[in-house]
N, C-alpha and C. Protein backbone atom coordinates (compact mmCIF):
# COMPACT_ATOMS: atom_id res chain seq x y z
N UNK A 1 0.82 -1.20 0.00
CA UNK A 1 0.00 0.00 0.00
C UNK A 1 0.87 1.25 0.00
N UNK A 2 1.91 1.26 0.82
CA UNK A 2 2.77 2.43 0.90
C UNK A 2 3.43 2.71 -0.44
N UNK A 3 3.77 1.67 -1.17
CA UNK A 3 4.37 1.85 -2.48
C UNK A 3 3.43 2.55 -3.44
N UNK A 4 2.14 2.23 -3.37
CA UNK A 4 1.16 2.89 -4.24
C UNK A 4 1.00 4.36 -3.86
N UNK A 5 1.03 4.65 -2.58
CA UNK A 5 0.90 6.04 -2.15
C UNK A 5 2.09 6.86 -2.66
N UNK A 6 3.26 6.28 -2.62
CA UNK A 6 4.43 6.98 -3.11
C UNK A 6 4.36 7.24 -4.61
N UNK A 7 3.62 6.40 -5.34
CA UNK A 7 3.51 6.56 -6.78
C UNK A 7 2.61 7.73 -7.15
N UNK A 8 1.71 8.11 -6.26
CA UNK A 8 0.82 9.22 -6.55
C UNK A 8 1.61 10.51 -6.62
N UNK A 9 1.33 11.31 -7.61
CA UNK A 9 2.03 12.57 -7.76
C UNK A 9 1.00 13.68 -7.85
N UNK A 10 1.31 14.80 -7.26
CA UNK A 10 0.41 15.93 -7.32
C UNK A 10 0.29 16.43 -8.76
N UNK A 11 -0.90 16.92 -9.09
CA UNK A 11 -1.18 17.52 -10.40
C UNK A 11 -1.05 16.54 -11.56
N UNK A 12 -1.20 15.24 -11.30
CA UNK A 12 -1.15 14.28 -12.40
C UNK A 12 -2.52 14.08 -13.03
N UNK A 13 -3.56 14.53 -12.34
CA UNK A 13 -4.91 14.42 -12.86
C UNK A 13 -5.39 15.79 -13.31
N UNK A 14 -6.20 15.81 -14.33
CA UNK A 14 -6.71 17.09 -14.82
C UNK A 14 -7.91 17.52 -13.99
N UNK A 15 -8.38 18.71 -14.24
CA UNK A 15 -9.57 19.22 -13.56
C UNK A 15 -10.79 18.37 -13.90
N UNK A 16 -10.76 17.69 -15.03
CA UNK A 16 -11.89 16.84 -15.42
C UNK A 16 -12.11 15.71 -14.43
N UNK A 17 -11.08 15.34 -13.69
CA UNK A 17 -11.22 14.30 -12.67
C UNK A 17 -12.23 14.73 -11.61
N UNK A 18 -12.37 16.01 -11.40
CA UNK A 18 -13.34 16.54 -10.44
C UNK A 18 -14.59 17.04 -11.15
N UNK A 19 -14.44 17.69 -12.27
CA UNK A 19 -15.56 18.33 -12.95
C UNK A 19 -16.61 17.34 -13.44
N UNK A 20 -16.19 16.28 -14.07
CA UNK A 20 -17.14 15.31 -14.62
C UNK A 20 -18.00 14.68 -13.52
N UNK A 21 -17.42 14.25 -12.40
CA UNK A 21 -18.28 13.72 -11.33
C UNK A 21 -19.26 14.76 -10.77
N UNK A 22 -18.88 16.04 -10.76
CA UNK A 22 -19.81 17.06 -10.29
C UNK A 22 -21.01 17.18 -11.23
N UNK A 23 -20.77 17.15 -12.53
CA UNK A 23 -21.88 17.18 -13.49
C UNK A 23 -22.75 15.94 -13.34
N UNK A 24 -22.13 14.79 -13.16
CA UNK A 24 -22.88 13.55 -12.99
C UNK A 24 -23.72 13.59 -11.72
N UNK A 25 -23.13 14.04 -10.63
CA UNK A 25 -23.84 14.12 -9.35
C UNK A 25 -25.01 15.09 -9.44
N UNK A 26 -24.80 16.22 -10.11
CA UNK A 26 -25.88 17.19 -10.30
C UNK A 26 -27.04 16.56 -11.06
N UNK A 27 -26.74 15.87 -12.15
CA UNK A 27 -27.79 15.23 -12.94
C UNK A 27 -28.52 14.16 -12.12
N UNK A 28 -27.80 13.39 -11.35
CA UNK A 28 -28.41 12.35 -10.53
C UNK A 28 -29.34 12.95 -9.49
N UNK A 29 -28.93 14.03 -8.85
CA UNK A 29 -29.77 14.69 -7.84
C UNK A 29 -31.03 15.24 -8.48
N UNK A 30 -30.91 15.85 -9.65
CA UNK A 30 -32.07 16.40 -10.34
C UNK A 30 -33.04 15.29 -10.73
N UNK A 31 -32.52 14.21 -11.30
CA UNK A 31 -33.39 13.10 -11.74
C UNK A 31 -34.11 12.45 -10.57
N UNK A 32 -33.40 12.23 -9.47
CA UNK A 32 -33.98 11.52 -8.34
C UNK A 32 -34.70 12.43 -7.35
N UNK A 33 -34.48 13.73 -7.48
CA UNK A 33 -35.14 14.67 -6.58
C UNK A 33 -34.63 14.60 -5.15
N UNK A 34 -33.37 14.23 -4.98
CA UNK A 34 -32.81 14.13 -3.63
C UNK A 34 -32.20 15.46 -3.20
N UNK A 35 -31.82 15.53 -1.94
CA UNK A 35 -31.24 16.75 -1.37
C UNK A 35 -29.79 16.92 -1.81
N UNK A 36 -29.31 18.15 -1.71
CA UNK A 36 -27.90 18.43 -1.94
C UNK A 36 -27.60 19.22 -3.20
N UNK A 37 -28.63 19.56 -3.97
CA UNK A 37 -28.40 20.25 -5.24
C UNK A 37 -27.71 21.59 -5.02
N UNK A 38 -28.12 22.33 -3.99
CA UNK A 38 -27.51 23.65 -3.80
C UNK A 38 -26.03 23.52 -3.43
N UNK A 39 -25.67 22.44 -2.78
CA UNK A 39 -24.26 22.23 -2.42
C UNK A 39 -23.42 21.89 -3.66
N UNK A 40 -23.96 21.04 -4.51
CA UNK A 40 -23.24 20.68 -5.73
C UNK A 40 -23.12 21.90 -6.63
N UNK A 41 -24.20 22.68 -6.74
CA UNK A 41 -24.14 23.90 -7.55
C UNK A 41 -23.10 24.87 -6.98
N UNK A 42 -23.01 24.94 -5.67
CA UNK A 42 -22.01 25.80 -5.04
C UNK A 42 -20.59 25.37 -5.37
N UNK A 43 -20.34 24.07 -5.32
CA UNK A 43 -19.02 23.55 -5.69
C UNK A 43 -18.70 23.83 -7.15
N UNK A 44 -19.71 23.66 -8.00
CA UNK A 44 -19.51 23.92 -9.43
C UNK A 44 -19.21 25.40 -9.67
N UNK A 45 -19.90 26.25 -8.94
CA UNK A 45 -19.68 27.69 -9.09
C UNK A 45 -18.26 28.06 -8.64
N UNK A 46 -17.81 27.47 -7.53
CA UNK A 46 -16.46 27.73 -7.05
C UNK A 46 -15.40 27.28 -8.05
N UNK A 47 -15.69 26.22 -8.79
CA UNK A 47 -14.75 25.72 -9.79
C UNK A 47 -14.89 26.43 -11.13
N UNK A 48 -15.89 27.32 -11.25
CA UNK A 48 -16.07 28.08 -12.47
C UNK A 48 -16.75 27.30 -13.58
N UNK A 49 -17.55 26.32 -13.22
CA UNK A 49 -18.25 25.50 -14.21
C UNK A 49 -19.59 26.12 -14.57
N UNK A 50 -19.98 26.01 -15.83
CA UNK A 50 -21.29 26.49 -16.27
C UNK A 50 -22.33 25.42 -15.95
N UNK A 51 -23.37 25.80 -15.24
CA UNK A 51 -24.39 24.82 -14.85
C UNK A 51 -25.15 24.28 -16.04
N UNK A 52 -25.26 25.04 -17.10
CA UNK A 52 -26.04 24.58 -18.24
C UNK A 52 -25.15 24.05 -19.37
N UNK A 53 -23.89 23.77 -19.08
CA UNK A 53 -22.95 23.31 -20.11
C UNK A 53 -23.29 21.89 -20.58
N UNK A 54 -23.81 21.09 -19.70
CA UNK A 54 -24.19 19.72 -20.06
C UNK A 54 -25.64 19.49 -19.68
N UNK A 55 -26.45 19.03 -20.62
CA UNK A 55 -27.87 18.80 -20.32
C UNK A 55 -28.06 17.62 -19.37
N UNK A 56 -29.14 17.66 -18.62
CA UNK A 56 -29.47 16.57 -17.71
C UNK A 56 -30.33 15.57 -18.47
N UNK A 57 -29.81 14.35 -18.66
CA UNK A 57 -30.58 13.34 -19.40
C UNK A 57 -31.76 12.82 -18.59
C-alpha cells in the first residue's frame, strides 16, 4: 500500500477528474429529486463551471 501512495504525484490528474463527477452528481440529484443540489451547484460555481454546459438526461 505504501508503495502505491508513493507513486501518486500531485497535479497528475486534470480538472476533469473533479468536474465530470460534479456534473454527474448534479444530474443524478435532479433526476432523483434528492437533497444536496444547492451544495453541488455551489461547488460547481467555485470551480467556475457552467451549470447549463451539459444537459441533464
